[in-house]
Amino acid sequence: FGLLNGFFPVDEAKNTDWRFQKLCRAQELNKSSTATIMGWYKKSPDHLSAEARDLIDAMLNINPVKRPSIEQVLNHPFITGKDPSKDQFSQNSVYDNDPTVANISRMPTSA
């Protein structure tokens, strides 16, 4: 997030940081974490590709079980530059039924 936007989304991942609480609520409502965070600062995420937003949203998931593995991150279309609509992307990801990481299910899984 910081490299692509020039600032960090929250100071601390704990309840005393108002941004953390708002991020938790946005994820409960299946909203994009990236768009939510940018909105706090009256900014738009339009400078980011859909793949970049997808990866950032997945990596910022509050629930660590729902975050992608490093292998999944390295194989994500934003990193590889590969077309996410190609058949090489598994539809059997643990993220398939999780709307908080809407597009992460297109990432290849380990063999």
Foldseek 3Di string as FASTA:
>chain_A
DCVVPVDDQWDDCDPVTPSNVVLQVCLVVLHQSVQSSLVVVPHGPVVDDPQRSLLVLLCPDPDPVSHDDVVQSCQGCVNVVDDLVDPQFAQPDPCNPRSSNPSSSSTHDDD
